[in-house]
PDB file of N, CA and C in Angstrom:
ATOM      1  N   UNK A   1     -13.153  -5.002  14.208  1.00  0.00           N
ATOM      2  CA  UNK A   1     -13.605  -3.903  13.355  1.00  0.00           C
ATOM      3  C   UNK A   1     -12.484  -3.534  12.383  1.00  0.00           C
ATOM      4  N   UNK A   2     -12.809  -3.451  11.128  1.00  0.00           N
ATOM      5  CA  UNK A   2     -11.812  -3.164  10.093  1.00  0.00           C
ATOM      6  C   UNK A   2     -11.391  -1.699  10.131  1.00  0.00           C
ATOM      7  N   UNK A   3     -10.141  -1.479   9.812  1.00  0.00           N
ATOM      8  CA  UNK A   3      -9.567  -0.137   9.738  1.00  0.00           C
ATOM      9  C   UNK A   3      -9.165   0.103   8.291  1.00  0.00           C
ATOM     10  N   UNK A   4      -9.561   1.253   7.744  1.00  0.00           N
ATOM     11  CA  UNK A   4      -9.189   1.602   6.379  1.00  0.00           C
ATOM     12  C   UNK A   4      -8.260   2.807   6.410  1.00  0.00           C
ATOM     13  N   UNK A   5      -7.124   2.683   5.734  1.00  0.00           N
ATOM     14  CA  UNK A   5      -6.138   3.755   5.664  1.00  0.00           C
ATOM     15  C   UNK A   5      -5.795   4.012   4.202  1.00  0.00           C
ATOM     16  N   UNK A   6      -5.490   5.261   3.894  1.00  0.00           N
ATOM     17  CA  UNK A   6      -5.120   5.624   2.530  1.00  0.00           C
ATOM     18  C   UNK A   6      -3.713   6.206   2.527  1.00  0.00           C
ATOM     19  N   UNK A   7      -2.938   5.793   1.541  1.00  0.00           N
ATOM     20  CA  UNK A   7      -1.552   6.236   1.397  1.00  0.00           C
ATOM     21  C   UNK A   7      -1.335   6.719  -0.030  1.00  0.00           C
ATOM     22  N   UNK A   8      -0.304   7.522  -0.221  1.00  0.00           N
ATOM     23  CA  UNK A   8       0.108   7.953  -1.556  1.00  0.00           C
ATOM     24  C   UNK A   8       1.431   7.289  -1.873  1.00  0.00           C
ATOM     25  N   UNK A   9       1.491   6.655  -3.040  1.00  0.00           N
ATOM     26  CA  UNK A   9       2.712   5.980  -3.476  1.00  0.00           C
ATOM     27  C   UNK A   9       3.175   6.639  -4.765  1.00  0.00           C
ATOM     28  N   UNK A  10       4.443   7.000  -4.821  1.00  0.00           N
ATOM     29  CA  UNK A  10       4.965   7.633  -6.034  1.00  0.00           C
ATOM     30  C   UNK A  10       5.810   6.636  -6.820  1.00  0.00           C
ATOM     31  N   UNK A  11       5.821   6.817  -8.131  1.00  0.00           N
ATOM     32  CA  UNK A  11       6.641   5.999  -9.009  1.00  0.00           C
ATOM     33  C   UNK A  11       5.906   4.903  -9.743  1.00  0.00           C
ATOM     34  N   UNK A  12       4.633   4.682  -9.434  1.00  0.00           N
ATOM     35  CA  UNK A  12       3.878   3.629 -10.127  1.00  0.00           C
ATOM     36  C   UNK A  12       3.426   4.147 -11.496  1.00  0.00           C
ATOM     37  N   UNK A  13       3.672   3.320 -12.536  1.00  0.00           N
ATOM     38  CA  UNK A  13       3.324   3.762 -13.886  1.00  0.00           C
ATOM     39  C   UNK A  13       2.541   2.735 -14.695  1.00  0.00           C
ATOM     40  N   UNK A  14       2.391   1.511 -14.162  1.00  0.00           N
ATOM     41  CA  UNK A  14       1.749   0.466 -14.966  1.00  0.00           C
ATOM     42  C   UNK A  14       1.089  -0.585 -14.082  1.00  0.00           C
ATOM     43  N   UNK A  15       0.444  -1.555 -14.733  1.00  0.00           N
ATOM     44  CA  UNK A  15      -0.239  -2.624 -13.998  1.00  0.00           C
ATOM     45  C   UNK A  15       0.736  -3.456 -13.174  1.00  0.00           C
ATOM     46  N   UNK A  16       1.951  -3.633 -13.663  1.00  0.00           N
ATOM     47  CA  UNK A  16       2.948  -4.380 -12.888  1.00  0.00           C
ATOM     48  C   UNK A  16       3.251  -3.661 -11.581  1.00  0.00           C
ATOM     49  N   UNK A  17       3.325  -2.347 -11.624  1.00  0.00           N
ATOM     50  CA  UNK A  17       3.563  -1.541 -10.417  1.00  0.00           C
ATOM     51  C   UNK A  17       2.451  -1.782  -9.399  1.00  0.00           C
ATOM     52  N   UNK A  18       1.227  -1.751  -9.890  1.00  0.00           N
ATOM     53  CA  UNK A  18       0.060  -1.974  -9.030  1.00  0.00           C
ATOM     54  C   UNK A  18       0.151  -3.350  -8.393  1.00  0.00           C
ATOM     55  N   UNK A  19       0.484  -4.361  -9.178  1.00  0.00           N
ATOM     56  CA  UNK A  19       0.576  -5.729  -8.662  1.00  0.00           C
ATOM     57  C   UNK A  19       1.674  -5.857  -7.612  1.00  0.00           C
ATOM     58  N   UNK A  20       2.823  -5.245  -7.863  1.00  0.00           N
ATOM     59  CA  UNK A  20       3.940  -5.336  -6.921  1.00  0.00           C
ATOM     60  C   UNK A  20       3.581  -4.700  -5.578  1.00  0.00           C
ATOM     61  N   UNK A  21       2.984  -3.520  -5.616  1.00  0.00           N
ATOM     62  CA  UNK A  21       2.599  -2.827  -4.384  1.00  0.00           C
ATOM     63  C   UNK A  21       1.511  -3.613  -3.659  1.00  0.00           C
ATOM     64  N   UNK A  22       0.527  -4.097  -4.410  1.00  0.00           N
ATOM     65  CA  UNK A  22      -0.560  -4.876  -3.809  1.00  0.00           C
ATOM     66  C   UNK A  22      -0.022  -6.127  -3.123  1.00  0.00           C
ATOM     67  N   UNK A  23       0.873  -6.833  -3.779  1.00  0.00           N
ATOM     68  CA  UNK A  23       1.441  -8.065  -3.226  1.00  0.00           C
ATOM     69  C   UNK A  23       2.191  -7.800  -1.927  1.00  0.00           C
ATOM     70  N   UNK A  24       3.040  -6.782  -1.915  1.00  0.00           N
ATOM     71  CA  UNK A  24       3.854  -6.502  -0.726  1.00  0.00           C
ATOM     72  C   UNK A  24       3.001  -6.026   0.452  1.00  0.00           C
ATOM     73  N   UNK A  25       2.051  -5.136   0.199  1.00  0.00           N
ATOM     74  CA  UNK A  25       1.209  -4.646   1.298  1.00  0.00           C
ATOM     75  C   UNK A  25       0.275  -5.755   1.788  1.00  0.00           C
ATOM     76  N   UNK A  26      -0.227  -6.567   0.882  1.00  0.00           N
ATOM     77  CA  UNK A  26      -1.110  -7.668   1.265  1.00  0.00           C
ATOM     78  C   UNK A  26      -0.417  -8.654   2.200  1.00  0.00           C
ATOM     79  N   UNK A  27       0.902  -8.742   2.133  1.00  0.00           N
ATOM     80  CA  UNK A  27       1.663  -9.677   2.962  1.00  0.00           C
ATOM     81  C   UNK A  27       1.794  -9.210   4.413  1.00  0.00           C
ATOM     82  N   UNK A  28       1.463  -7.941   4.678  1.00  0.00           N
ATOM     83  CA  UNK A  28       1.555  -7.446   6.053  1.00  0.00           C
ATOM     84  C   UNK A  28       0.496  -8.130   6.927  1.00  0.00           C
ATOM     85  N   UNK A  29       0.845  -8.447   8.167  1.00  0.00           N
ATOM     86  CA  UNK A  29      -0.114  -9.108   9.067  1.00  0.00           C
ATOM     87  C   UNK A  29      -1.379  -8.274   9.266  1.00  0.00           C
ATOM     88  N   UNK A  30      -2.525  -8.931   9.135  1.00  0.00           N
ATOM     89  CA  UNK A  30      -3.796  -8.268   9.400  1.00  0.00           C
ATOM     90  C   UNK A  30      -4.438  -7.590   8.209  1.00  0.00           C
ATOM     91  N   UNK A  31      -3.719  -7.481   7.091  1.00  0.00           N
ATOM     92  CA  UNK A  31      -4.269  -6.802   5.910  1.00  0.00           C
ATOM     93  C   UNK A  31      -5.275  -7.724   5.227  1.00  0.00           C
ATOM     94  N   UNK A  32      -6.485  -7.193   4.983  1.00  0.00           N
ATOM     95  CA  UNK A  32      -7.520  -7.998   4.337  1.00  0.00           C
ATOM     96  C   UNK A  32      -7.825  -7.547   2.914  1.00  0.00           C
ATOM     97  N   UNK A  33      -7.470  -6.302   2.567  1.00  0.00           N
ATOM     98  CA  UNK A  33      -7.757  -5.804   1.221  1.00  0.00           C
ATOM     99  C   UNK A  33      -6.824  -4.650   0.880  1.00  0.00           C
ATOM    100  N   UNK A  34      -6.404  -4.599  -0.380  1.00  0.00           N
ATOM    101  CA  UNK A  34      -5.573  -3.500  -0.885  1.00  0.00           C
ATOM    102  C   UNK A  34      -6.158  -3.065  -2.222  1.00  0.00           C
ATOM    103  N   UNK A  35      -6.475  -1.791  -2.354  1.00  0.00           N
ATOM    104  CA  UNK A  35      -6.976  -1.235  -3.616  1.00  0.00           C
ATOM    105  C   UNK A  35      -6.020  -0.131  -4.054  1.00  0.00           C
ATOM    106  N   UNK A  36      -5.516  -0.237  -5.282  1.00  0.00           N
ATOM    107  CA  UNK A  36      -4.558   0.743  -5.803  1.00  0.00           C
ATOM    108  C   UNK A  36      -5.200   1.500  -6.961  1.00  0.00           C
ATOM    109  N   UNK A  37      -5.129   2.828  -6.899  1.00  0.00           N
ATOM    110  CA  UNK A  37      -5.591   3.687  -7.997  1.00  0.00           C
ATOM    111  C   UNK A  37      -4.344   4.210  -8.694  1.00  0.00           C
ATOM    112  N   UNK A  38      -4.017   3.594  -9.818  1.00  0.00           N
ATOM    113  CA  UNK A  38      -2.793   3.941 -10.542  1.00  0.00           C
ATOM    114  C   UNK A  38      -2.768   5.415 -10.939  1.00  0.00           C
ATOM    115  N   UNK A  39      -3.895   5.945 -11.395  1.00  0.00           N
ATOM    116  CA  UNK A  39      -3.946   7.333 -11.871  1.00  0.00           C
ATOM    117  C   UNK A  39      -3.563   8.332 -10.786  1.00  0.00           C
ATOM    118  N   UNK A  40      -4.041   8.114  -9.570  1.00  0.00           N
ATOM    119  CA  UNK A  40      -3.783   9.074  -8.487  1.00  0.00           C
ATOM    120  C   UNK A  40      -2.604   8.670  -7.609  1.00  0.00           C
ATOM    121  N   UNK A  41      -2.202   7.406  -7.690  1.00  0.00           N
ATOM    122  CA  UNK A  41      -1.152   6.916  -6.796  1.00  0.00           C
ATOM    123  C   UNK A  41      -1.682   6.575  -5.420  1.00  0.00           C
ATOM    124  N   UNK A  42      -2.999   6.595  -5.268  1.00  0.00           N
ATOM    125  CA  UNK A  42      -3.605   6.302  -3.971  1.00  0.00           C
ATOM    126  C   UNK A  42      -3.691   4.807  -3.719  1.00  0.00           C
ATOM    127  N   UNK A  43      -3.391   4.426  -2.487  1.00  0.00           N
ATOM    128  CA  UNK A  43      -3.494   3.036  -2.077  1.00  0.00           C
ATOM    129  C   UNK A  43      -4.363   2.987  -0.827  1.00  0.00           C
ATOM    130  N   UNK A  44      -5.474   2.268  -0.914  1.00  0.00           N
ATOM    131  CA  UNK A  44      -6.376   2.124   0.218  1.00  0.00           C
ATOM    132  C   UNK A  44      -6.208   0.723   0.788  1.00  0.00           C
ATOM    133  N   UNK A  45      -5.888   0.668   2.081  1.00  0.00           N
ATOM    134  CA  UNK A  45      -5.604  -0.599   2.744  1.00  0.00           C
ATOM    135  C   UNK A  45      -6.625  -0.833   3.842  1.00  0.00           C
ATOM    136  N   UNK A  46      -7.238  -2.009   3.834  1.00  0.00           N
ATOM    137  CA  UNK A  46      -8.153  -2.405   4.899  1.00  0.00           C
ATOM    138  C   UNK A  46      -7.445  -3.469   5.728  1.00  0.00           C
ATOM    139  N   UNK A  47      -7.439  -3.269   7.046  1.00  0.00           N
ATOM    140  CA  UNK A  47      -6.748  -4.197   7.934  1.00  0.00           C
ATOM    141  C   UNK A  47      -7.544  -4.382   9.217  1.00  0.00           C
ATOM    142  N   UNK A  48      -7.180  -5.432   9.958  1.00  0.00           N
ATOM    143  CA  UNK A  48      -7.861  -5.740  11.212  1.00  0.00           C
ATOM    144  C   UNK A  48      -7.548  -4.703  12.289  1.00  0.00           C
ATOM    145  N   UNK A  49      -6.322  -4.202  12.294  1.00  0.00           N
ATOM    146  CA  UNK A  49      -5.880  -3.189  13.250  1.00  0.00           C
ATOM    147  C   UNK A  49      -5.089  -2.134  12.477  1.00  0.00           C
ATOM    148  N   UNK A  50      -4.906  -0.948  13.056  1.00  0.00           N
ATOM    149  CA  UNK A  50      -4.105   0.066  12.365  1.00  0.00           C
ATOM    150  C   UNK A  50      -2.695  -0.455  12.073  1.00  0.00           C
ATOM    151  N   UNK A  51      -2.194  -0.123  10.900  1.00  0.00           N
ATOM    152  CA  UNK A  51      -0.849  -0.546  10.510  1.00  0.00           C
ATOM    153  C   UNK A  51       0.162   0.526  10.890  1.00  0.00           C
ATOM    154  N   UNK A  52       1.347   0.093  11.266  1.00  0.00           N
ATOM    155  CA  UNK A  52       2.436   1.030  11.543  1.00  0.00           C
ATOM    156  C   UNK A  52       2.907   1.609  10.210  1.00  0.00           C
ATOM    157  N   UNK A  53       3.050   2.918  10.168  1.00  0.00           N
ATOM    158  CA  UNK A  53       3.485   3.588   8.934  1.00  0.00           C
ATOM    159  C   UNK A  53       4.818   3.035   8.443  1.00  0.00           C
ATOM    160  N   UNK A  54       5.717   2.696   9.364  1.00  0.00           N
ATOM    161  CA  UNK A  54       7.016   2.146   8.971  1.00  0.00           C
ATOM    162  C   UNK A  54       6.871   0.802   8.275  1.00  0.00           C
ATOM    163  N   UNK A  55       5.882  -0.003   8.698  1.00  0.00           N
ATOM    164  CA  UNK A  55       5.652  -1.298   8.058  1.00  0.00           C
ATOM    165  C   UNK A  55       5.137  -1.116   6.634  1.00  0.00           C
ATOM    166  N   UNK A  56       4.218  -0.162   6.460  1.00  0.00           N
ATOM    167  CA  UNK A  56       3.686   0.119   5.126  1.00  0.00           C
ATOM    168  C   UNK A  56       4.801   0.672   4.241  1.00  0.00           C
ATOM    169  N   UNK A  57       5.594   1.585   4.781  1.00  0.00           N
ATOM    170  CA  UNK A  57       6.711   2.173   4.029  1.00  0.00           C
ATOM    171  C   UNK A  57       7.693   1.080   3.589  1.00  0.00           C
ATOM    172  N   UNK A  58       7.999   0.145   4.479  1.00  0.00           N
ATOM    173  CA  UNK A  58       8.932  -0.935   4.154  1.00  0.00           C
ATOM    174  C   UNK A  58       8.365  -1.829   3.049  1.00  0.00           C
ATOM    175  N   UNK A  59       7.061  -2.102   3.104  1.00  0.00           N
ATOM    176  CA  UNK A  59       6.432  -2.935   2.065  1.00  0.00           C
ATOM    177  C   UNK A  59       6.475  -2.237   0.713  1.00  0.00           C
ATOM    178  N   UNK A  60       6.181  -0.952   0.694  1.00  0.00           N
ATOM    179  CA  UNK A  60       6.211  -0.180  -0.551  1.00  0.00           C
ATOM    180  C   UNK A  60       7.646  -0.108  -1.085  1.00  0.00           C
ATOM    181  N   UNK A  61       8.614   0.106  -0.187  1.00  0.00           N
ATOM    182  CA  UNK A  61      10.025   0.126  -0.590  1.00  0.00           C
ATOM    183  C   UNK A  61      10.424  -1.208  -1.204  1.00  0.00           C
ATOM    184  N   UNK A  62       9.984  -2.311  -0.585  1.00  0.00           N
ATOM    185  CA  UNK A  62      10.298  -3.651  -1.081  1.00  0.00           C
ATOM    186  C   UNK A  62       9.751  -3.853  -2.487  1.00  0.00           C
ATOM    187  N   UNK A  63       8.599  -3.231  -2.770  1.00  0.00           N
ATOM    188  CA  UNK A  63       8.007  -3.330  -4.098  1.00  0.00           C
ATOM    189  C   UNK A  63       8.751  -2.459  -5.115  1.00  0.00           C
ATOM    190  N   UNK A  64       9.609  -1.565  -4.632  1.00  0.00           N
ATOM    191  CA  UNK A  64      10.396  -0.718  -5.518  1.00  0.00           C
ATOM    192  C   UNK A  64       9.842   0.681  -5.717  1.00  0.00           C
ATOM    193  N   UNK A  65       8.969   1.111  -4.811  1.00  0.00           N
ATOM    194  CA  UNK A  65       8.337   2.424  -4.942  1.00  0.00           C
ATOM    195  C   UNK A  65       8.496   3.196  -3.646  1.00  0.00           C
ATOM    196  N   UNK A  66       7.956   4.392  -3.607  1.00  0.00           N
ATOM    197  CA  UNK A  66       8.161   5.255  -2.455  1.00  0.00           C
ATOM    198  C   UNK A  66       6.824   5.721  -1.899  1.00  0.00           C
ATOM    199  N   UNK A  67       6.705   5.580  -0.581  1.00  0.00           N
ATOM    200  CA  UNK A  67       5.510   6.076   0.112  1.00  0.00           C
ATOM    201  C   UNK A  67       5.686   7.577   0.303  1.00  0.00           C
ATOM    202  N   UNK A  68       4.742   8.355  -0.210  1.00  0.00           N
ATOM    203  CA  UNK A  68       4.822   9.809  -0.081  1.00  0.00           C
ATOM    204  C   UNK A  68       4.517  10.198   1.350  1.00  0.00           C
ATOM    205  N   UNK A  69       5.212  11.198   1.855  1.00  0.00           N
ATOM    206  CA  UNK A  69       4.951  11.690   3.203  1.00  0.00           C
ATOM    207  C   UNK A  69       3.595  12.352   3.252  1.00  0.00           C
ATOM    208  N   UNK A  70       2.889  12.079   4.322  1.00  0.00           N
ATOM    209  CA  UNK A  70       1.541  12.633   4.480  1.00  0.00           C
ATOM    210  C   UNK A  70       1.599  14.096   4.834  1.00  0.00           C
TER     211      UNK A  70
END
């Protein structure tokens, strides 16, 4: 059963930002889909199992952006 989680990412300003975040989060094990809303900074991730927040934070950091605290 798929799990959908939503995160807020700060610092994204363009299509390149969206691509970088999408690429890094997509590389996490079990992730099947990543949708980024540049205007709101929202990132919706669909995965096979719940993702560890630290793993998502590390992927966003690797892309050069910051995961906003919930």
